[in-house]
Amino acid sequence: MPECKRDATVAQEAAVGRMLRRIPDVTKVVFIPKKEALWRTHLLNPTIPVSQLPTNPLPDEWVVTLTSEEDNAKVGKAICASRYAGVQPCRGLPGSSGATWDTLTPRIRARLG
């Protein structure tokens, strides 16, 4: 990812997963490797020429499901404030880097560097 100097290590990714599972109101934590994210992107929009990309621009990420969408901002901000090693820095706005969330689903994406 452009914001990160290097990718997260396997140990950092595993540690982030363990920490995310300990957060109150978290019901599910799923790891999405960047290769799978690229494949999913192609399935959703076959017109994207993923085979012609020089590198995979997508990050590995943890998708965190919460008990309700009302918890999104609170938990998202807590993930940003925790500054987990390997997680992209948050820029303070949902939809940028780091932990991202919206108000439509009870999910947060913690993007790994």
N, C-alpha and C. Protein backbone atom coordinates (compact mmCIF):
# COMPACT_ATOMS: atom_id res chain seq x y z
N MET A 1 0.84 -1.18 0.00
CA MET A 1 0.00 0.00 0.00
C MET A 1 0.88 1.24 0.00
N PRO A 2 0.46 2.27 -0.69
CA PRO A 2 1.29 3.47 -0.79
C PRO A 2 1.61 4.12 0.54
N GLU A 3 0.70 4.01 1.53
CA GLU A 3 0.92 4.67 2.81
C GLU A 3 1.94 3.92 3.68
N CYS A 4 2.26 2.69 3.31
CA CYS A 4 3.13 1.86 4.14
C CYS A 4 4.47 1.64 3.46
N LYS A 5 5.50 1.57 4.27
CA LYS A 5 6.84 1.35 3.74
C LYS A 5 7.05 -0.11 3.34
N ARG A 6 6.30 -1.03 3.99
CA ARG A 6 6.43 -2.45 3.67
C ARG A 6 5.16 -3.17 4.12
N ASP A 7 4.99 -4.38 3.59
CA ASP A 7 3.82 -5.19 3.96
C ASP A 7 3.94 -5.65 5.40
N ALA A 8 2.79 -5.91 6.01
CA ALA A 8 2.78 -6.48 7.36
C ALA A 8 3.35 -7.89 7.31
N THR A 9 4.01 -8.29 8.37
CA THR A 9 4.53 -9.65 8.45
C THR A 9 3.39 -10.61 8.83
N VAL A 10 3.61 -11.89 8.62
CA VAL A 10 2.62 -12.90 9.01
C VAL A 10 2.36 -12.82 10.51
N ALA A 11 3.42 -12.62 11.30
CA ALA A 11 3.26 -12.51 12.76
C ALA A 11 2.43 -11.28 13.13
N GLN A 12 2.67 -10.14 12.46
CA GLN A 12 1.88 -8.94 12.73
C GLN A 12 0.41 -9.16 12.38
N GLU A 13 0.16 -9.80 11.23
CA GLU A 13 -1.22 -10.07 10.82
C GLU A 13 -1.94 -10.95 11.84
N ALA A 14 -1.25 -11.99 12.31
CA ALA A 14 -1.85 -12.89 13.30
C ALA A 14 -2.11 -12.15 14.62
N ALA A 15 -1.17 -11.31 15.03
CA ALA A 15 -1.34 -10.56 16.28
C ALA A 15 -2.53 -9.60 16.18
N VAL A 16 -2.69 -8.95 15.04
CA VAL A 16 -3.83 -8.04 14.85
C VAL A 16 -5.13 -8.84 14.94
N GLY A 17 -5.18 -10.01 14.31
CA GLY A 17 -6.38 -10.85 14.38
C GLY A 17 -6.74 -11.21 15.81
N ARG A 18 -5.73 -11.58 16.60
CA ARG A 18 -5.99 -11.91 18.02
C ARG A 18 -6.54 -10.71 18.78
N MET A 19 -5.95 -9.54 18.54
CA MET A 19 -6.39 -8.33 19.25
C MET A 19 -7.81 -7.93 18.83
N LEU A 20 -8.12 -8.05 17.54
CA LEU A 20 -9.45 -7.69 17.07
C LEU A 20 -10.52 -8.58 17.67
N ARG A 21 -10.20 -9.86 17.85
CA ARG A 21 -11.17 -10.79 18.43
C ARG A 21 -11.50 -10.47 19.89
N ARG A 22 -10.63 -9.73 20.56
CA ARG A 22 -10.84 -9.39 21.98
C ARG A 22 -11.68 -8.14 22.19
N ILE A 23 -11.99 -7.42 21.13
CA ILE A 23 -12.73 -6.17 21.26
C ILE A 23 -14.19 -6.49 21.58
N PRO A 24 -14.76 -5.83 22.59
CA PRO A 24 -16.18 -6.03 22.89
C PRO A 24 -17.04 -5.66 21.66
N ASP A 25 -18.14 -6.32 21.49
CA ASP A 25 -19.08 -6.09 20.40
C ASP A 25 -18.63 -6.69 19.06
N VAL A 26 -17.49 -7.36 19.02
CA VAL A 26 -17.05 -8.03 17.79
C VAL A 26 -17.63 -9.44 17.79
N THR A 27 -18.32 -9.79 16.70
CA THR A 27 -18.93 -11.12 16.61
C THR A 27 -18.18 -12.03 15.65
N LYS A 28 -17.40 -11.45 14.72
CA LYS A 28 -16.70 -12.27 13.73
C LYS A 28 -15.51 -11.50 13.20
N VAL A 29 -14.39 -12.20 12.96
CA VAL A 29 -13.19 -11.60 12.40
C VAL A 29 -12.70 -12.54 11.30
N VAL A 30 -12.58 -12.02 10.07
CA VAL A 30 -12.18 -12.84 8.92
C VAL A 30 -11.01 -12.18 8.22
N PHE A 31 -9.98 -12.97 7.91
CA PHE A 31 -8.81 -12.48 7.18
C PHE A 31 -9.06 -12.64 5.69
N ILE A 32 -8.83 -11.57 4.92
CA ILE A 32 -8.95 -11.60 3.46
C ILE A 32 -7.57 -11.28 2.87
N PRO A 33 -6.88 -12.29 2.33
CA PRO A 33 -5.59 -11.99 1.70
C PRO A 33 -5.79 -11.14 0.44
N LYS A 34 -4.78 -10.35 0.10
CA LYS A 34 -4.93 -9.44 -1.03
C LYS A 34 -5.15 -10.16 -2.35
N LYS A 35 -4.65 -11.38 -2.49
CA LYS A 35 -4.89 -12.16 -3.70
C LYS A 35 -6.39 -12.48 -3.83
N GLU A 36 -7.01 -12.86 -2.72
CA GLU A 36 -8.45 -13.14 -2.72
C GLU A 36 -9.25 -11.86 -2.97
N ALA A 37 -8.81 -10.75 -2.40
CA ALA A 37 -9.51 -9.47 -2.61
C ALA A 37 -9.49 -9.09 -4.09
N LEU A 38 -8.38 -9.33 -4.76
CA LEU A 38 -8.29 -9.02 -6.18
C LEU A 38 -9.22 -9.93 -6.98
N TRP A 39 -9.25 -11.20 -6.63
CA TRP A 39 -10.15 -12.16 -7.29
C TRP A 39 -11.60 -11.75 -7.09
N ARG A 40 -11.97 -11.38 -5.85
CA ARG A 40 -13.34 -10.93 -5.57
C ARG A 40 -13.69 -9.68 -6.37
N THR A 41 -12.73 -8.75 -6.48
CA THR A 41 -12.95 -7.54 -7.26
C THR A 41 -13.25 -7.89 -8.70
N HIS A 42 -12.49 -8.82 -9.25
CA HIS A 42 -12.71 -9.24 -10.65
C HIS A 42 -14.08 -9.91 -10.80
N LEU A 43 -14.49 -10.72 -9.83
CA LEU A 43 -15.80 -11.37 -9.91
C LEU A 43 -16.93 -10.35 -9.88
N LEU A 44 -16.79 -9.33 -9.04
CA LEU A 44 -17.82 -8.30 -8.95
C LEU A 44 -17.86 -7.40 -10.18
N ASN A 45 -16.71 -7.19 -10.80
CA ASN A 45 -16.63 -6.35 -11.99
C ASN A 45 -15.64 -6.95 -12.98
N PRO A 46 -16.11 -7.89 -13.83
CA PRO A 46 -15.22 -8.58 -14.77
C PRO A 46 -14.55 -7.66 -15.79
N THR A 47 -15.03 -6.43 -15.93
CA THR A 47 -14.42 -5.52 -16.90
C THR A 47 -13.08 -4.95 -16.41
N ILE A 48 -12.79 -5.11 -15.12
CA ILE A 48 -11.51 -4.64 -14.59
C ILE A 48 -10.43 -5.63 -15.06
N PRO A 49 -9.42 -5.15 -15.79
CA PRO A 49 -8.40 -6.06 -16.34
C PRO A 49 -7.33 -6.43 -15.31
N VAL A 50 -7.72 -7.22 -14.31
CA VAL A 50 -6.79 -7.53 -13.22
C VAL A 50 -5.56 -8.28 -13.70
N SER A 51 -5.69 -9.07 -14.76
CA SER A 51 -4.54 -9.82 -15.26
C SER A 51 -3.49 -8.91 -15.89
N GLN A 52 -3.86 -7.67 -16.20
CA GLN A 52 -2.92 -6.74 -16.83
C GLN A 52 -2.26 -5.80 -15.82
N LEU A 53 -2.63 -5.92 -14.55
CA LEU A 53 -2.02 -5.06 -13.54
C LEU A 53 -0.58 -5.51 -13.28
N PRO A 54 0.36 -4.57 -13.14
CA PRO A 54 1.75 -4.96 -12.86
C PRO A 54 1.91 -5.57 -11.47
N THR A 55 1.13 -5.08 -10.50
CA THR A 55 1.13 -5.63 -9.14
C THR A 55 -0.28 -5.55 -8.59
N ASN A 56 -0.50 -6.25 -7.50
CA ASN A 56 -1.80 -6.22 -6.85
C ASN A 56 -1.86 -4.98 -5.96
N PRO A 57 -2.76 -4.03 -6.25
CA PRO A 57 -2.81 -2.79 -5.47
C PRO A 57 -3.59 -2.93 -4.16
N LEU A 58 -4.25 -4.07 -3.95
CA LEU A 58 -5.09 -4.23 -2.77
C LEU A 58 -4.30 -4.74 -1.57
N PRO A 59 -4.72 -4.37 -0.36
CA PRO A 59 -4.02 -4.84 0.84
C PRO A 59 -4.63 -6.13 1.37
N ASP A 60 -3.87 -6.85 2.21
CA ASP A 60 -4.48 -7.86 3.07
C ASP A 60 -5.35 -7.08 4.04
N GLU A 61 -6.40 -7.70 4.53
CA GLU A 61 -7.22 -6.98 5.51
C GLU A 61 -7.98 -7.95 6.40
N TRP A 62 -8.33 -7.45 7.57
CA TRP A 62 -9.22 -8.14 8.49
C TRP A 62 -10.58 -7.48 8.36
N VAL A 63 -11.62 -8.28 8.18
CA VAL A 63 -12.98 -7.75 8.16
C VAL A 63 -13.61 -8.13 9.50
N VAL A 64 -14.01 -7.11 10.23
CA VAL A 64 -14.54 -7.27 11.58
C VAL A 64 -16.05 -7.03 11.53
N THR A 65 -16.83 -8.01 11.98
CA THR A 65 -18.29 -7.87 12.05
C THR A 65 -18.67 -7.59 13.49
N LEU A 66 -19.52 -6.60 13.67
CA LEU A 66 -19.93 -6.15 15.00
C LEU A 66 -21.38 -6.54 15.29
N THR A 67 -21.77 -6.40 16.54
CA THR A 67 -23.14 -6.73 16.92
C THR A 67 -24.15 -5.81 16.26
N SER A 68 -23.79 -4.55 16.01
CA SER A 68 -24.70 -3.63 15.33
C SER A 68 -23.90 -2.52 14.66
N GLU A 69 -24.51 -1.90 13.65
CA GLU A 69 -23.82 -0.82 12.93
C GLU A 69 -23.61 0.42 13.79
N GLU A 70 -24.35 0.53 14.89
CA GLU A 70 -24.15 1.68 15.79
C GLU A 70 -22.76 1.66 16.43
N ASP A 71 -22.13 0.48 16.47
CA ASP A 71 -20.81 0.35 17.08
C ASP A 71 -19.67 0.66 16.10
N ASN A 72 -19.97 0.83 14.81
CA ASN A 72 -18.92 1.00 13.80
C ASN A 72 -17.92 2.10 14.13
N ALA A 73 -18.41 3.31 14.32
CA ALA A 73 -17.50 4.44 14.55
C ALA A 73 -16.71 4.25 15.84
N LYS A 74 -17.37 3.82 16.90
CA LYS A 74 -16.69 3.63 18.19
C LYS A 74 -15.56 2.61 18.05
N VAL A 75 -15.85 1.45 17.47
CA VAL A 75 -14.84 0.40 17.34
C VAL A 75 -13.80 0.79 16.30
N GLY A 76 -14.22 1.39 15.19
CA GLY A 76 -13.27 1.83 14.17
C GLY A 76 -12.26 2.82 14.73
N LYS A 77 -12.75 3.78 15.50
CA LYS A 77 -11.85 4.76 16.12
C LYS A 77 -10.92 4.10 17.14
N ALA A 78 -11.43 3.09 17.85
CA ALA A 78 -10.59 2.37 18.82
C ALA A 78 -9.47 1.60 18.10
N ILE A 79 -9.79 1.01 16.95
CA ILE A 79 -8.76 0.31 16.17
C ILE A 79 -7.72 1.31 15.69
N CYS A 80 -8.16 2.47 15.20
CA CYS A 80 -7.22 3.50 14.75
C CYS A 80 -6.32 3.97 15.91
N ALA A 81 -6.93 4.18 17.06
CA ALA A 81 -6.17 4.68 18.21
C ALA A 81 -5.17 3.65 18.72
N SER A 82 -5.44 2.36 18.50
CA SER A 82 -4.56 1.31 19.00
C SER A 82 -3.25 1.22 18.23
N ARG A 83 -3.25 1.70 17.01
CA ARG A 83 -2.03 1.70 16.18
C ARG A 83 -1.36 0.33 16.16
N TYR A 84 -2.13 -0.70 15.82
CA TYR A 84 -1.59 -2.05 15.74
C TYR A 84 -0.45 -2.11 14.73
N ALA A 85 0.63 -2.79 15.08
CA ALA A 85 1.75 -2.96 14.17
C ALA A 85 1.28 -3.70 12.93
N GLY A 86 1.56 -3.13 11.77
CA GLY A 86 1.17 -3.75 10.51
C GLY A 86 -0.10 -3.19 9.92
N VAL A 87 -0.92 -2.48 10.73
CA VAL A 87 -2.16 -1.88 10.21
C VAL A 87 -1.81 -0.50 9.68
N GLN A 88 -2.35 -0.18 8.51
CA GLN A 88 -2.09 1.12 7.92
C GLN A 88 -2.53 2.23 8.87
N PRO A 89 -1.81 3.33 8.85
CA PRO A 89 -2.22 4.47 9.69
C PRO A 89 -3.59 4.97 9.26
N CYS A 90 -4.39 5.37 10.20
CA CYS A 90 -5.71 5.94 9.90
C CYS A 90 -5.53 7.43 9.68
N ARG A 91 -6.28 7.95 8.76
CA ARG A 91 -6.21 9.38 8.49
C ARG A 91 -7.39 10.12 9.10
N GLY A 92 -8.17 9.41 9.91
CA GLY A 92 -9.25 10.09 10.61
C GLY A 92 -10.59 10.07 9.90
N LEU A 93 -10.63 9.60 8.66
CA LEU A 93 -11.89 9.58 7.93
C LEU A 93 -12.20 8.18 7.43
N PRO A 94 -13.43 7.70 7.64
CA PRO A 94 -13.81 6.42 7.05
C PRO A 94 -13.61 6.48 5.54
N GLY A 95 -13.13 5.40 4.97
CA GLY A 95 -12.93 5.33 3.53
C GLY A 95 -11.52 5.67 3.10
N SER A 96 -10.64 6.10 4.03
CA SER A 96 -9.27 6.37 3.63
C SER A 96 -8.45 5.10 3.83
N SER A 97 -7.49 5.12 4.71
CA SER A 97 -6.68 3.94 4.97
C SER A 97 -6.86 3.53 6.41
N GLY A 98 -6.19 2.48 6.82
CA GLY A 98 -6.32 2.01 8.19
C GLY A 98 -7.63 1.30 8.41
N ALA A 99 -8.36 1.65 9.44
CA ALA A 99 -9.66 1.05 9.70
C ALA A 99 -10.72 1.87 8.98
N THR A 100 -11.55 1.21 8.19
CA THR A 100 -12.60 1.90 7.46
C THR A 100 -13.94 1.27 7.80
N TRP A 101 -14.98 2.09 7.81
CA TRP A 101 -16.30 1.60 8.14
C TRP A 101 -17.35 2.49 7.48
N ASP A 102 -18.56 1.98 7.40
CA ASP A 102 -19.67 2.79 6.93
C ASP A 102 -20.86 2.58 7.87
N THR A 103 -21.95 3.23 7.59
CA THR A 103 -23.11 3.12 8.48
C THR A 103 -24.15 2.14 7.95
N LEU A 104 -23.86 1.45 6.85
CA LEU A 104 -24.84 0.55 6.26
C LEU A 104 -24.72 -0.88 6.76
N THR A 105 -23.55 -1.29 7.16
CA THR A 105 -23.35 -2.66 7.64
C THR A 105 -22.53 -2.63 8.92
N PRO A 106 -22.71 -3.60 9.78
CA PRO A 106 -21.89 -3.63 11.00
C PRO A 106 -20.53 -4.27 10.73
N ARG A 107 -19.75 -3.67 9.82
CA ARG A 107 -18.44 -4.21 9.47
C ARG A 107 -17.38 -3.12 9.44
N ILE A 108 -16.17 -3.49 9.81
CA ILE A 108 -15.02 -2.61 9.75
C ILE A 108 -13.93 -3.36 9.01
N ARG A 109 -13.18 -2.68 8.19
CA ARG A 109 -12.04 -3.29 7.48
C ARG A 109 -10.77 -2.68 8.03
N ALA A 110 -9.91 -3.53 8.59
CA ALA A 110 -8.61 -3.09 9.07
C ALA A 110 -7.59 -3.46 8.01
N ARG A 111 -7.12 -2.48 7.26
CA ARG A 111 -6.21 -2.72 6.14
C ARG A 111 -4.78 -2.83 6.64
N LEU A 112 -4.12 -3.88 6.19
CA LEU A 112 -2.76 -4.15 6.63
C LEU A 112 -1.76 -3.59 5.63
N GLY A 113 -0.61 -3.17 6.15
CA GLY A 113 0.42 -2.59 5.29
C GLY A 113 1.21 -3.62 4.56
